Amino acid sequence: MKTVLVVDDDPSIRALIRLYLEGAGYGVREAGDGRQAMRQLADQPPDLVVLDIFMPEMDGLEVLQQLREQCRSCKVMAISGGSAKIGMDLLGHATIFGADAVLEKPFDAETLLVKAAALIGGPGT
């Protein structure tokens, strides 16, 4: 089973992404911030990391930098809803830092699942 680590400081966003991914058959783990994510990545690298960019403590770009040093094979989908609000293209920066795909919040289940499948294949492959 393909595993996905969902990293977002908003528990409702994590729950929604979990619902979408588990409904499609993926295994899901969660982290509420970048530091938790890095601990989980050290323990057991997932197939895909769905990574929020705008987080307190350790933001997604910092996580992405460290993740690329630790797990080059991990696929990363950066997500953010804050780019337009603050006048910065955070998702564009995420691709520069090594994100394999980006997804702007809000998004629907189909869009998330299509991008996940494109990155790591279906849940049972």
Protein backbone atom coordinates (compact mmCIF):
# COMPACT_ATOMS: atom_id res chain seq x y z
CA MET A 1 0.00 0.00 0.00
CA LYS A 2 1.29 3.44 -0.90
CA THR A 3 1.70 5.74 2.10
CA VAL A 4 1.21 9.49 2.30
CA LEU A 5 2.40 11.83 5.05
CA VAL A 6 0.07 14.83 5.33
CA VAL A 7 1.77 17.85 6.95
CA ASP A 8 -0.49 20.78 7.81
CA ASP A 9 -0.96 22.84 10.97
CA ASP A 10 -4.74 22.94 10.42
CA PRO A 11 -6.34 19.75 11.81
CA SER A 12 -9.44 20.16 9.65
CA ILE A 13 -7.34 20.29 6.47
CA ARG A 14 -5.39 17.20 7.56
CA ALA A 15 -8.66 15.38 8.29
CA LEU A 16 -10.12 16.29 4.90
CA ILE A 17 -7.00 15.18 3.01
CA ARG A 18 -6.94 11.96 5.06
CA LEU A 19 -10.58 11.32 4.15
CA TYR A 20 -9.87 11.79 0.44
CA LEU A 21 -6.71 9.66 0.41
CA GLU A 22 -7.94 6.83 2.62
CA GLY A 23 -11.16 6.71 0.62
CA ALA A 24 -9.02 6.01 -2.45
CA GLY A 25 -7.03 3.30 -0.65
CA TYR A 26 -3.83 5.09 0.38
CA GLY A 27 -2.32 4.71 3.84
CA VAL A 28 -2.10 8.06 5.61
CA ARG A 29 0.02 9.44 8.43
CA GLU A 30 -0.23 12.98 9.77
CA ALA A 31 2.03 15.66 11.19
CA GLY A 32 0.83 18.96 12.63
CA ASP A 33 4.04 20.87 11.96
CA GLY A 34 7.38 20.68 10.23
CA ARG A 35 9.28 19.30 13.21
CA GLN A 36 6.83 16.41 13.62
CA ALA A 37 7.12 15.75 9.90
CA MET A 38 10.91 15.53 10.03
CA ARG A 39 10.73 13.04 12.92
CA GLN A 40 8.31 10.87 10.95
CA LEU A 41 10.41 11.10 7.82
CA ALA A 42 13.43 9.85 9.75
CA ASP A 43 11.46 6.90 11.12
CA GLN A 44 9.81 5.69 7.92
CA PRO A 45 9.85 7.61 4.64
CA PRO A 46 6.45 7.71 2.91
CA ASP A 47 5.86 7.47 -0.82
CA LEU A 48 4.37 10.97 -0.90
CA VAL A 49 4.45 14.01 1.37
CA VAL A 50 1.54 16.45 1.07
CA LEU A 51 3.16 19.53 2.57
CA ASP A 52 1.57 22.82 3.59
CA ILE A 53 3.90 25.74 2.97
CA PHE A 54 2.47 28.26 5.44
CA MET A 55 3.06 26.81 8.96
CA PRO A 56 4.39 28.14 12.27
CA GLU A 57 7.61 26.85 13.84
CA MET A 58 9.13 25.28 10.74
CA ASP A 59 7.50 26.25 7.46
CA GLY A 60 7.05 24.00 4.46
CA LEU A 61 9.98 25.44 2.54
CA GLU A 62 12.32 24.60 5.44
CA VAL A 63 10.87 21.09 5.60
CA LEU A 64 11.27 20.71 1.85
CA GLN A 65 14.94 21.70 2.01
CA GLN A 66 15.71 19.19 4.76
CA LEU A 67 13.53 16.51 3.20
CA ARG A 68 15.46 16.72 -0.06
CA GLU A 69 18.67 16.09 1.89
CA GLN A 70 17.20 13.08 3.75
CA CYS A 71 14.90 11.46 1.21
CA ARG A 72 15.58 12.23 -2.41
CA SER A 73 13.16 9.51 -3.56
CA CYS A 74 10.18 10.93 -1.62
CA LYS A 75 7.67 12.70 -3.81
CA VAL A 76 6.38 16.03 -2.50
CA MET A 77 3.14 17.85 -3.26
CA ALA A 78 3.23 21.37 -1.83
CA ILE A 79 -0.10 22.94 -0.87
CA SER A 80 -0.95 26.49 0.13
CA GLY A 81 -3.83 28.89 0.23
CA GLY A 82 -1.86 31.91 1.37
CA SER A 83 0.06 32.85 -1.76
CA ALA A 84 -2.43 35.27 -3.28
CA LYS A 85 -3.34 36.77 0.09
CA ILE A 86 0.19 37.88 0.88
CA GLY A 87 1.24 38.70 -2.65
CA MET A 88 3.89 35.98 -2.88
CA ASP A 89 4.06 32.92 -5.08
CA LEU A 90 4.87 30.44 -2.32
CA LEU A 91 3.97 27.46 -4.49
CA GLY A 92 6.36 28.72 -7.16
CA HIS A 93 9.07 28.89 -4.52
CA ALA A 94 8.21 25.33 -3.48
CA THR A 95 8.99 24.04 -6.97
CA ILE A 96 12.35 25.83 -6.85
CA PHE A 97 13.05 24.08 -3.52
CA GLY A 98 12.20 20.69 -5.05
CA ALA A 99 8.44 20.07 -4.83
CA ASP A 100 7.30 17.60 -7.47
CA ALA A 101 3.80 19.10 -7.71
CA VAL A 102 1.81 21.96 -6.24
CA LEU A 103 -1.84 22.35 -5.32
CA GLU A 104 -3.60 25.55 -4.32
CA LYS A 105 -6.16 25.50 -1.52
CA PRO A 106 -9.07 25.05 -1.71
CA PHE A 107 -9.02 21.91 -3.84
CA ASP A 108 -11.36 18.98 -4.41
CA ALA A 109 -10.82 15.27 -3.92
CA GLU A 110 -10.49 14.53 -7.62
CA THR A 111 -7.71 17.06 -8.15
CA LEU A 112 -5.76 15.79 -5.12
CA LEU A 113 -6.14 12.15 -6.14
CA VAL A 114 -5.18 12.75 -9.78
CA LYS A 115 -2.00 14.54 -8.68
CA ALA A 116 -1.18 11.86 -6.10
CA ALA A 117 -1.63 9.09 -8.67
CA ALA A 118 0.54 10.96 -11.16
CA LEU A 119 3.34 11.16 -8.57
CA ILE A 120 3.25 7.73 -6.96
CA GLY A 121 0.68 5.64 -8.85
CA GLY A 122 -2.46 4.15 -7.39
CA PRO A 123 -2.68 3.04 -3.77
CA GLY A 124 -2.07 -0.64 -4.51
CA THR A 125 0.71 -0.30 -7.06
